[in-house]
N, C-alpha and C. Protein backbone atom coordinates (compact mmCIF):
# COMPACT_ATOMS: atom_id res chain seq x y z
N UNK A 1 0.85 -0.96 -0.01
CA UNK A 1 0.15 -0.15 0.15
C UNK A 1 1.06 1.32 -0.04
N UNK A 2 0.87 2.12 -1.15
CA UNK A 2 1.51 3.38 -1.02
C UNK A 2 1.05 4.54 -0.30
N UNK A 3 1.53 5.63 -0.29
CA UNK A 3 1.23 6.66 0.47
C UNK A 3 -0.52 7.36 0.27
N UNK A 4 -0.54 7.42 -1.20
CA UNK A 4 -1.84 7.84 -1.41
C UNK A 4 -2.90 7.06 -1.21
N UNK A 5 -2.70 5.78 -1.35
CA UNK A 5 -3.76 4.56 -0.93
C UNK A 5 -4.11 4.90 0.41
N UNK A 6 -3.04 4.95 1.30
CA UNK A 6 -3.33 5.19 2.77
C UNK A 6 -4.20 6.29 3.13
N UNK A 7 -3.60 7.25 2.53
CA UNK A 7 -4.22 8.67 2.71
C UNK A 7 -5.99 8.57 2.25
N UNK A 8 -6.03 7.96 1.05
CA UNK A 8 -7.37 7.83 0.60
C UNK A 8 -8.27 6.78 1.42
N UNK A 9 -7.38 5.88 1.82
CA UNK A 9 -8.29 4.94 2.79
C UNK A 9 -8.72 5.80 4.21
N UNK A 10 -7.72 6.52 4.60
CA UNK A 10 -7.93 6.98 6.00
C UNK A 10 -9.19 8.18 5.77
N UNK A 11 -9.03 8.80 4.63
CA UNK A 11 -10.28 9.77 4.39
C UNK A 11 -11.44 9.12 4.13
N UNK A 12 -11.61 8.04 3.82
CA UNK A 12 -12.71 7.15 3.66
C UNK A 12 -13.16 6.17 4.93
N UNK A 13 -12.36 5.75 5.42
CA UNK A 13 -12.77 4.71 6.72
C UNK A 13 -12.38 5.28 8.15
N UNK A 14 -11.61 6.43 8.28
CA UNK A 14 -11.16 6.92 9.65
C UNK A 14 -11.48 8.43 9.52
N UNK A 15 -12.64 8.90 9.12
CA UNK A 15 -12.72 10.42 9.31
C UNK A 15 -13.44 10.73 10.18
N UNK A 16 -13.41 11.76 10.90
CA UNK A 16 -14.02 12.81 11.56
C UNK A 16 -13.71 12.12 13.19
N UNK A 17 -14.77 12.06 14.21
CA UNK A 17 -14.65 11.48 15.31
C UNK A 17 -14.83 9.98 15.79
N UNK A 18 -14.41 9.68 16.67
CA UNK A 18 -14.86 7.95 16.73
C UNK A 18 -15.43 8.04 18.11
N UNK A 19 -16.26 6.85 18.22
CA UNK A 19 -17.14 6.68 19.42
C UNK A 19 -15.87 6.60 20.65
N UNK A 20 -16.54 7.38 21.65
CA UNK A 20 -15.50 7.98 22.85
C UNK A 20 -16.07 7.01 23.96
N UNK A 21 -16.74 6.08 23.78
CA UNK A 21 -17.36 5.29 24.94
C UNK A 21 -16.48 4.64 25.79
N UNK A 22 -15.14 4.28 25.32
CA UNK A 22 -14.36 3.65 26.02
C UNK A 22 -13.26 4.57 26.68
N UNK A 23 -13.64 6.05 26.39
CA UNK A 23 -12.79 6.82 27.49
C UNK A 23 -11.30 7.23 26.92
N UNK A 24 -11.25 8.44 27.11
CA UNK A 24 -9.48 9.06 26.96
C UNK A 24 -8.54 8.51 27.88
N UNK A 25 -7.37 8.16 27.26
CA UNK A 25 -6.17 7.66 27.99
C UNK A 25 -5.14 8.29 28.06
N UNK A 26 -4.61 8.76 29.18
CA UNK A 26 -3.10 9.72 28.97
C UNK A 26 -1.99 8.61 28.70
N UNK A 27 -1.39 9.15 27.53
CA UNK A 27 -0.29 8.36 27.27
C UNK A 27 0.94 9.23 27.20
N UNK A 28 0.98 10.34 27.80
CA UNK A 28 2.35 11.31 27.74
C UNK A 28 2.54 11.17 29.37
N UNK A 29 3.91 10.93 29.68
CA UNK A 29 4.38 11.15 30.93
C UNK A 29 5.29 12.22 30.95
N UNK A 30 5.68 13.09 31.82
CA UNK A 30 6.60 14.23 31.86
C UNK A 30 7.01 14.77 30.38
N UNK A 31 5.85 15.00 29.76
CA UNK A 31 6.04 15.66 28.48
C UNK A 31 6.28 14.69 27.15
N UNK A 32 6.59 13.65 27.59
CA UNK A 32 6.90 12.50 26.56
C UNK A 32 5.98 11.41 26.28
N UNK A 33 5.83 10.95 25.10
CA UNK A 33 5.03 9.88 24.90
C UNK A 33 5.62 8.71 25.44
N UNK A 34 5.00 7.91 26.31
CA UNK A 34 5.76 6.89 26.87
C UNK A 34 5.42 5.30 26.17
N UNK A 35 6.42 4.59 25.88
CA UNK A 35 6.48 3.33 24.96
C UNK A 35 5.28 2.41 26.02
N UNK A 36 5.48 1.98 27.19
CA UNK A 36 4.49 0.97 27.67
C UNK A 36 3.12 1.41 27.61
N UNK A 37 2.72 2.86 28.16
CA UNK A 37 1.70 3.06 27.73
C UNK A 37 0.82 3.03 26.48
N UNK A 38 1.84 3.67 25.43
CA UNK A 38 1.44 3.68 24.00
C UNK A 38 1.02 2.27 23.95
N UNK A 39 1.87 1.22 23.92
CA UNK A 39 2.29 -0.56 23.46
C UNK A 39 0.60 -0.87 23.97
N UNK A 40 0.59 -0.80 25.30
CA UNK A 40 -0.75 -1.14 25.96
C UNK A 40 -2.04 -0.86 25.24
N UNK A 41 -2.12 0.62 25.05
CA UNK A 41 -3.29 1.05 24.57
C UNK A 41 -3.35 0.90 23.17
N UNK A 42 -2.68 0.80 22.17
CA UNK A 42 -2.84 0.45 20.62
C UNK A 42 -2.99 -1.20 20.84
N UNK A 43 -2.52 -1.82 21.38
CA UNK A 43 -2.79 -3.48 21.71
C UNK A 43 -4.15 -3.66 22.13
N UNK A 44 -4.77 -2.90 22.42
CA UNK A 44 -6.07 -3.02 23.25
C UNK A 44 -7.26 -3.23 21.95
N UNK A 45 -6.57 -2.47 21.12
CA UNK A 45 -7.44 -2.47 19.67
C UNK A 45 -6.85 -3.08 18.53
N UNK A 46 -5.67 -2.70 18.48
CA UNK A 46 -5.18 -3.45 17.28
C UNK A 46 -4.13 -4.55 17.46
N UNK A 47 -4.97 -5.94 17.07
CA UNK A 47 -4.01 -7.11 17.26
C UNK A 47 -3.11 -7.43 16.35
N UNK A 48 -3.17 -7.13 15.16
CA UNK A 48 -2.48 -7.38 13.84
C UNK A 48 -0.99 -7.16 14.04
N UNK A 49 0.03 -7.45 13.40
CA UNK A 49 1.38 -6.84 13.54
C UNK A 49 1.45 -5.52 12.93
N UNK A 50 0.93 -5.33 11.47
CA UNK A 50 1.07 -3.94 10.95
C UNK A 50 -0.21 -3.32 10.93
N UNK A 51 0.24 -2.01 11.02
CA UNK A 51 -1.05 -0.87 11.36
C UNK A 51 -0.68 0.45 10.41
N UNK A 52 -1.87 1.01 10.02
CA UNK A 52 -1.73 2.13 9.22
C UNK A 52 -1.52 3.50 10.01
N UNK A 53 -0.88 4.50 10.13
CA UNK A 53 -1.15 5.73 10.97
C UNK A 53 -0.89 6.85 9.66
N UNK A 54 -1.59 8.01 10.32
CA UNK A 54 -1.77 9.18 9.32
C UNK A 54 -1.56 10.43 10.26
N UNK A 55 -0.88 11.35 9.74
CA UNK A 55 -0.73 12.71 10.57
C UNK A 55 -1.53 13.61 9.83
N UNK A 56 -1.00 13.81 8.59
CA UNK A 56 -1.93 14.81 7.35
C UNK A 56 -1.45 13.92 6.03
N UNK A 57 -2.34 14.68 5.01
CA UNK A 57 -2.37 14.10 3.67
C UNK A 57 -0.79 14.09 3.21
N UNK A 58 0.14 14.62 3.85
CA UNK A 58 1.60 14.53 3.53
C UNK A 58 2.15 13.44 4.17
N UNK A 59 1.70 13.19 5.14
CA UNK A 59 2.63 12.34 6.35
C UNK A 59 1.68 11.12 6.83
N UNK A 60 1.80 10.08 5.91
CA UNK A 60 1.18 8.88 6.54
C UNK A 60 2.11 7.40 6.18
N UNK A 61 1.66 6.60 6.84
CA UNK A 61 2.55 5.25 6.62
C UNK A 61 2.09 4.20 7.13
N UNK A 62 2.77 3.06 7.09
CA UNK A 62 1.99 1.72 7.51
C UNK A 62 3.39 0.80 8.14
N UNK A 63 3.00 0.22 9.16
CA UNK A 63 4.11 -0.53 9.81
C UNK A 63 3.71 -1.20 11.26
N UNK A 64 4.69 -1.61 11.48
CA UNK A 64 4.28 -2.59 12.97
C UNK A 64 4.41 -1.36 14.17
N UNK A 65 4.22 -1.60 15.49
CA UNK A 65 3.87 -1.08 16.45
C UNK A 65 4.80 -0.11 16.90
N UNK A 66 6.08 -0.52 16.78
CA UNK A 66 7.41 0.31 16.98
C UNK A 66 7.36 1.45 15.91
N UNK A 67 7.16 1.30 14.49
CA UNK A 67 6.86 2.24 13.62
C UNK A 67 5.91 3.12 13.96
N UNK A 68 4.86 2.77 14.29
CA UNK A 68 3.70 3.69 14.70
C UNK A 68 3.93 4.71 15.86
N UNK A 69 4.87 4.08 16.85
CA UNK A 69 5.03 4.93 17.99
C UNK A 69 6.25 5.92 17.60
N UNK A 70 7.19 5.48 16.52
CA UNK A 70 8.27 6.71 16.40
C UNK A 70 7.43 7.80 15.45
N UNK A 71 6.44 7.24 14.52
CA UNK A 71 5.82 8.06 13.97
C UNK A 71 5.11 9.05 14.60
N UNK A 72 4.13 8.28 15.74
CA UNK A 72 3.53 9.20 16.52
C UNK A 72 4.14 10.42 17.53
N UNK A 73 5.20 9.72 18.24
CA UNK A 73 6.11 10.78 19.14
C UNK A 73 6.50 12.09 17.97
N UNK A 74 6.80 11.65 16.86
CA UNK A 74 7.48 12.78 15.65
C UNK A 74 6.20 13.51 15.35
N UNK A 75 5.11 13.20 15.09
CA UNK A 75 3.96 14.18 14.69
C UNK A 75 2.99 14.51 15.72
N UNK A 76 3.02 14.03 16.76
CA UNK A 76 1.92 14.29 17.67
C UNK A 76 1.69 15.68 18.01
N UNK A 77 2.57 16.39 18.05
CA UNK A 77 2.79 17.62 18.70
C UNK A 77 1.92 18.47 17.81
N UNK A 78 1.88 18.51 16.70
CA UNK A 78 1.22 19.63 15.85
C UNK A 78 0.04 18.78 15.19
N UNK A 79 -0.13 17.53 15.17
CA UNK A 79 -1.27 16.80 14.53
C UNK A 79 -2.10 15.99 15.40
N UNK A 80 -3.12 15.79 14.98
CA UNK A 80 -4.13 14.66 15.75
C UNK A 80 -3.58 13.23 14.97
N UNK A 81 -3.09 12.43 15.63
CA UNK A 81 -2.50 11.19 14.78
C UNK A 81 -3.97 10.16 14.85
N UNK A 82 -4.01 9.52 13.60
CA UNK A 82 -4.91 8.55 13.16
C UNK A 82 -4.15 7.15 13.06
N UNK A 83 -4.56 6.08 14.07
CA UNK A 83 -4.08 4.75 13.70
C UNK A 83 -5.09 4.02 13.52
N UNK A 84 -5.05 2.87 12.50
CA UNK A 84 -5.87 1.76 12.39
C UNK A 84 -5.36 0.53 12.08
N UNK A 85 -6.33 -0.51 12.13
CA UNK A 85 -5.67 -1.81 12.11
C UNK A 85 -5.87 -1.94 10.43
N UNK A 86 -5.35 -3.03 9.79
CA UNK A 86 -5.14 -2.71 8.18
C UNK A 86 -6.66 -3.10 7.83
N UNK A 87 -7.53 -3.70 8.66
CA UNK A 87 -9.03 -4.05 8.14
C UNK A 87 -9.83 -2.75 8.62
N UNK A 88 -9.22 -1.87 9.21
CA UNK A 88 -10.04 -0.72 9.48
C UNK A 88 -11.10 -1.00 10.79
N UNK A 89 -10.97 -1.96 11.30
CA UNK A 89 -11.91 -2.40 12.10
C UNK A 89 -11.82 -1.81 13.64
N UNK A 90 -10.25 -1.74 13.85
CA UNK A 90 -9.94 -0.89 15.05
C UNK A 90 -9.61 0.35 14.71
N UNK A 91 -9.90 1.25 15.24
CA UNK A 91 -9.57 2.82 15.09
C UNK A 91 -9.08 3.74 16.17
N UNK A 92 -7.99 4.27 16.31
CA UNK A 92 -7.43 5.30 17.35
C UNK A 92 -7.36 6.56 16.87
N UNK A 93 -7.29 7.55 17.74
CA UNK A 93 -7.07 8.87 17.70
C UNK A 93 -6.08 9.26 18.68
N UNK A 94 -4.88 9.98 18.42
CA UNK A 94 -4.31 10.47 19.71
C UNK A 94 -4.10 11.89 19.24
N UNK A 95 -4.66 12.82 20.45
CA UNK A 95 -4.50 14.14 20.33
C UNK A 95 -3.18 14.68 20.44
N UNK A 96 -3.04 15.88 19.98
CA UNK A 96 -1.73 16.59 20.53
C UNK A 96 -1.16 16.69 22.03
N UNK A 97 -2.63 16.69 22.78
CA UNK A 97 -2.28 16.73 24.48
C UNK A 97 -1.79 15.61 24.84
N UNK A 98 -1.66 14.69 24.25
CA UNK A 98 -1.09 13.23 24.63
C UNK A 98 -2.20 12.30 25.12
N UNK A 99 -3.41 12.57 24.81
CA UNK A 99 -4.35 11.48 25.09
C UNK A 99 -5.06 10.58 23.91
N UNK A 100 -5.12 9.46 24.26
CA UNK A 100 -5.75 8.70 22.86
C UNK A 100 -7.11 8.08 23.02
N UNK A 101 -7.79 7.87 22.12
CA UNK A 101 -9.26 7.01 22.22
C UNK A 101 -9.20 6.14 21.26
N UNK A 102 -9.92 5.04 21.55
CA UNK A 102 -9.85 3.86 20.39
C UNK A 102 -11.25 3.72 20.14
N UNK A 103 -11.64 2.83 19.26
CA UNK A 103 -12.82 2.16 18.81
C UNK A 103 -12.85 0.90 18.20
N UNK A 104 -13.31 -0.10 18.94
CA UNK A 104 -13.35 -1.33 18.05
C UNK A 104 -14.57 -1.69 17.60
N UNK A 105 -14.73 -1.88 16.18
CA UNK A 105 -16.32 -2.05 15.35
C UNK A 105 -16.31 -3.44 15.00
N UNK A 106 -17.52 -4.11 15.07
CA UNK A 106 -17.79 -5.39 14.63
C UNK A 106 -18.03 -5.47 13.61
N UNK A 107 -18.60 -4.55 12.72
CA UNK A 107 -18.83 -4.57 11.17
C UNK A 107 -17.67 -3.94 10.28
N UNK A 108 -17.72 -4.52 9.31
CA UNK A 108 -16.49 -4.35 8.07
C UNK A 108 -17.03 -2.82 7.83
N UNK A 109 -16.03 -1.80 7.82
CA UNK A 109 -16.15 -0.62 7.04
C UNK A 109 -16.26 -0.59 5.88
N UNK A 110 -17.11 0.22 4.93
CA UNK A 110 -17.03 0.13 3.70
C UNK A 110 -16.74 1.57 3.13
N UNK A 111 -15.82 1.75 2.12
CA UNK A 111 -15.70 3.26 1.71
C UNK A 111 -16.77 3.93 1.36
N UNK A 112 -16.73 5.39 1.37
CA UNK A 112 -17.88 6.30 1.15
C UNK A 112 -17.95 6.40 -0.45
N UNK A 113 -16.76 6.37 -1.24
CA UNK A 113 -17.03 6.73 -2.32
C UNK A 113 -16.57 5.62 -3.40
N UNK A 114 -16.55 5.55 -4.48
CA UNK A 114 -16.35 4.27 -5.38
C UNK A 114 -14.93 4.22 -5.70
N UNK A 115 -13.90 5.06 -5.07
CA UNK A 115 -12.38 5.14 -5.33
C UNK A 115 -11.97 3.81 -5.33
N UNK A 116 -11.45 3.12 -6.56
CA UNK A 116 -10.93 1.62 -6.46
C UNK A 116 -9.29 2.05 -5.96
N UNK A 117 -9.41 1.59 -4.39
CA UNK A 117 -8.05 1.69 -4.00
C UNK A 117 -7.48 0.31 -3.36
């Protein structure tokens, strides 16, 4: 999956806000994103090895949880970070203030447009 495909999928399947029923979780300690908190939080939602991450339409990627952590550390101060499982059933938002919210859906998401990605 290339960056353009990632951006298109994120716009189609991980747009707007997500269900906040699970509540926000603090992921930053002493001004820094903390690995154990991040790993525990992300693993609660994303079980697979690879995940998709997005900060802006110019900055997006796919990789394992370590790459997602590095990506989040680098871009979270100025951007809302979106992370999703490859099937987009698990969706996470990490806000610039260092809190994250996640949602796990039981139904398969479908793109809103017919863009063949």
